[in-house]
C-alpha atoms as a PDB file:
ATOM      1  CA  MET A   1    -101.304  43.276  71.637  1.00  0.00           C
ATOM      2  CA  SER A   2    -102.917  44.685  74.701  1.00  0.00           C
ATOM      3  CA  ARG A   3    -101.389  44.474  78.149  1.00  0.00           C
ATOM      4  CA  ASN A   4    -104.792  44.785  79.796  1.00  0.00           C
ATOM      5  CA  PRO A   5    -105.304  41.590  81.849  1.00  0.00           C
ATOM      6  CA  ILE A   6    -109.093  41.689  81.391  1.00  0.00           C
ATOM      7  CA  TYR A   7    -108.742  41.969  77.616  1.00  0.00           C
ATOM      8  CA  ILE A   8    -106.121  39.200  77.532  1.00  0.00           C
ATOM      9  CA  LYS A   9    -108.395  36.891  79.517  1.00  0.00           C
ATOM     10  CA  LEU A  10    -111.332  37.592  77.182  1.00  0.00           C
ATOM     11  CA  ILE A  11    -109.366  37.249  73.929  1.00  0.00           C
ATOM     12  CA  ASN A  12    -107.941  33.892  75.051  1.00  0.00           C
ATOM     13  CA  SER A  13    -111.293  32.462  76.143  1.00  0.00           C
ATOM     14  CA  GLY A  14    -112.991  29.569  74.416  1.00  0.00           C
ATOM     15  CA  ARG A  15    -116.073  31.740  74.038  1.00  0.00           C
ATOM     16  CA  TRP A  16    -114.102  34.306  71.987  1.00  0.00           C
ATOM     17  CA  LYS A  17    -112.435  31.617  69.863  1.00  0.00           C
ATOM     18  CA  LYS A  18    -115.825  30.145  68.979  1.00  0.00           C
ATOM     19  CA  LEU A  19    -117.366  33.540  68.223  1.00  0.00           C
ATOM     20  CA  ARG A  20    -114.349  34.459  66.080  1.00  0.00           C
ATOM     21  CA  ALA A  21    -114.629  31.207  64.124  1.00  0.00           C
ATOM     22  CA  ASP A  22    -118.380  31.744  63.679  1.00  0.00           C
ATOM     23  CA  LYS A  23    -117.786  35.258  62.319  1.00  0.00           C
ATOM     24  CA  LEU A  24    -115.115  34.086  59.859  1.00  0.00           C
ATOM     25  CA  THR A  25    -117.387  31.250  58.708  1.00  0.00           C
ATOM     26  CA  ALA A  26    -120.311  33.646  58.201  1.00  0.00           C
ATOM     27  CA  ASN A  27    -118.126  36.290  56.502  1.00  0.00           C
ATOM     28  CA  PRO A  28    -115.096  34.567  54.922  1.00  0.00           C
ATOM     29  CA  ILE A  29    -114.250  37.585  52.719  1.00  0.00           C
ATOM     30  CA  CYS A  30    -112.605  40.718  54.143  1.00  0.00           C
ATOM     31  CA  GLN A  31    -115.425  43.192  54.580  1.00  0.00           C
ATOM     32  CA  GLU A  32    -113.095  46.180  54.070  1.00  0.00           C
ATOM     33  CA  CYS A  33    -111.721  44.805  50.788  1.00  0.00           C
ATOM     34  CA  GLU A  34    -115.199  43.796  49.657  1.00  0.00           C
ATOM     35  CA  ALA A  35    -116.359  47.412  50.088  1.00  0.00           C
ATOM     36  CA  LYS A  36    -113.565  48.375  47.648  1.00  0.00           C
ATOM     37  CA  GLY A  37    -114.640  45.743  45.120  1.00  0.00           C
ATOM     38  CA  LEU A  38    -111.869  43.291  46.051  1.00  0.00           C
ATOM     39  CA  SER A  39    -112.157  39.681  47.154  1.00  0.00           C
ATOM     40  CA  THR A  40    -109.590  38.888  49.846  1.00  0.00           C
ATOM     41  CA  PRO A  41    -109.959  36.044  52.361  1.00  0.00           C
ATOM     42  CA  ALA A  42    -110.635  37.256  55.902  1.00  0.00           C
ATOM     43  CA  THR A  43    -108.187  35.903  58.452  1.00  0.00           C
ATOM     44  CA  GLU A  44    -108.904  38.154  61.430  1.00  0.00           C
ATOM     45  CA  VAL A  45    -111.860  39.609  63.294  1.00  0.00           C
ATOM     46  CA  HIS A  46    -111.883  43.293  64.223  1.00  0.00           C
ATOM     47  CA  HIS A  47    -113.960  44.934  66.966  1.00  0.00           C
ATOM     48  CA  LEU A  48    -115.588  48.031  65.471  1.00  0.00           C
ATOM     49  CA  THR A  49    -115.786  49.643  68.906  1.00  0.00           C
ATOM     50  CA  GLU A  50    -112.577  48.850  70.746  1.00  0.00           C
ATOM     51  CA  VAL A  51    -113.081  46.564  73.724  1.00  0.00           C
ATOM     52  CA  GLU A  52    -110.691  48.625  75.827  1.00  0.00           C
ATOM     53  CA  SER A  53    -112.554  51.857  75.098  1.00  0.00           C
ATOM     54  CA  VAL A  54    -114.887  51.281  78.047  1.00  0.00           C
ATOM     55  CA  PRO A  55    -113.952  51.538  81.726  1.00  0.00           C
ATOM     56  CA  THR A  56    -115.488  48.439  83.311  1.00  0.00           C
ATOM     57  CA  ALA A  57    -114.859  44.719  82.932  1.00  0.00           C
ATOM     58  CA  ASN A  58    -118.568  44.062  82.330  1.00  0.00           C
ATOM     59  CA  ALA A  59    -118.710  46.640  79.546  1.00  0.00           C
ATOM     60  CA  MET A  60    -115.542  45.185  78.019  1.00  0.00           C
ATOM     61  CA  GLU A  61    -117.117  41.730  78.058  1.00  0.00           C
ATOM     62  CA  GLN A  62    -120.268  43.053  76.371  1.00  0.00           C
ATOM     63  CA  LEU A  63    -118.247  44.636  73.554  1.00  0.00           C
ATOM     64  CA  MET A  64    -116.010  41.583  73.187  1.00  0.00           C
ATOM     65  CA  PHE A  65    -118.898  39.198  72.570  1.00  0.00           C
ATOM     66  CA  ASP A  66    -121.282  41.495  70.684  1.00  0.00           C
ATOM     67  CA  TYR A  67    -121.545  39.888  67.226  1.00  0.00           C
ATOM     68  CA  THR A  68    -122.713  43.178  65.698  1.00  0.00           C
ATOM     69  CA  ASN A  69    -119.455  44.788  66.886  1.00  0.00           C
ATOM     70  CA  LEU A  70    -117.370  42.433  64.734  1.00  0.00           C
ATOM     71  CA  GLU A  71    -115.963  42.721  61.238  1.00  0.00           C
ATOM     72  CA  SER A  72    -114.148  40.014  59.261  1.00  0.00           C
ATOM     73  CA  VAL A  73    -110.935  41.462  57.798  1.00  0.00           C
ATOM     74  CA  CYS A  74    -107.659  40.451  56.214  1.00  0.00           C
ATOM     75  CA  HIS A  75    -104.416  41.105  58.092  1.00  0.00           C
ATOM     76  CA  SER A  76    -103.516  44.076  55.907  1.00  0.00           C
ATOM     77  CA  CYS A  77    -106.845  45.840  56.457  1.00  0.00           C
ATOM     78  CA  HIS A  78    -106.746  45.083  60.184  1.00  0.00           C
ATOM     79  CA  SER A  79    -103.311  46.694  60.456  1.00  0.00           C
ATOM     80  CA  ASP A  80    -104.480  49.692  58.423  1.00  0.00           C
ATOM     81  CA  ILE A  81    -107.553  50.155  60.633  1.00  0.00           C
ATOM     82  CA  HIS A  82    -105.477  50.240  63.801  1.00  0.00           C
ATOM     83  CA  GLN A  83    -102.889  52.519  62.243  1.00  0.00           C
ATOM     84  CA  GLU A  84    -105.604  54.961  61.126  1.00  0.00           C
ATOM     85  CA  LYS A  85    -107.167  54.928  64.609  1.00  0.00           C
ATOM     86  CA  PHE A  86    -103.739  55.346  66.234  1.00  0.00           C
ATOM     87  CA  SER A  87    -104.777  52.585  68.627  1.00  0.00           C
ATOM     88  CA  HIS A  88    -101.139  51.930  69.494  1.00  0.00           C
ATOM     89  CA  SER A  89    -100.243  55.603  69.847  1.00  0.00           C
ATOM     90  CA  LYS A  90     -98.960  57.223  73.015  1.00  0.00           C
ATOM     91  CA  GLU A  91    -102.338  58.899  73.551  1.00  0.00           C
ATOM     92  CA  ALA A  92    -104.271  55.629  73.203  1.00  0.00           C
ATOM     93  CA  ILE A  93    -101.942  53.877  75.626  1.00  0.00           C
ATOM     94  CA  GLN A  94    -102.341  56.720  78.123  1.00  0.00           C
ATOM     95  CA  ALA A  95    -106.127  56.509  77.800  1.00  0.00           C
ATOM     96  CA  ASN A  96    -106.012  52.746  78.409  1.00  0.00           C
ATOM     97  CA  ASN A  97    -103.794  53.286  81.449  1.00  0.00           C
ATOM     98  CA  ARG A  98    -106.208  55.920  82.790  1.00  0.00           C
ATOM     99  CA  ARG A  99    -109.124  53.486  82.426  1.00  0.00           C
ATOM    100  CA  ALA A 100    -107.103  50.769  84.184  1.00  0.00           C
ATOM    101  CA  THR A 101    -106.427  53.160  87.072  1.00  0.00           C
ATOM    102  CA  GLU A 102    -110.136  54.009  87.274  1.00  0.00           C
ATOM    103  CA  ARG A 103    -111.057  50.298  87.357  1.00  0.00           C
ATOM    104  CA  PHE A 104    -108.524  49.736  90.141  1.00  0.00           C
ATOM    105  CA  ALA A 105    -109.836  52.691  92.151  1.00  0.00           C
ATOM    106  CA  ASP A 106    -113.445  51.551  91.723  1.00  0.00           C
ATOM    107  CA  LYS A 107    -112.558  48.065  92.876  1.00  0.00           C
ATOM    108  CA  PHE A 108    -110.211  48.756  95.767  1.00  0.00           C
ATOM    109  CA  LEU A 109    -110.726  52.326  96.981  1.00  0.00           C
END
């Protein structure tokens, strides 16, 4: 889970919870499994473009709530996606920290 306070605020919002529920209702089968000819219930919603990949809070909010940026997935596929993207790697964490520093500098300096 992210340590980014903006991301945490967005992911815990009522707006996100409703959008997530809407996506799972519209696509109750894991879209990754379905592409492989399998039928697995979707339990999670994945952002195709990572919310933290952009430098500003406004851009993060746009990605968070963009319905076309969402994919219904099962837990296994969601874990695989993040592992393949190395989204929890040292490099990804450093990139997130760099963006956080840039946001801070833009806001306060």
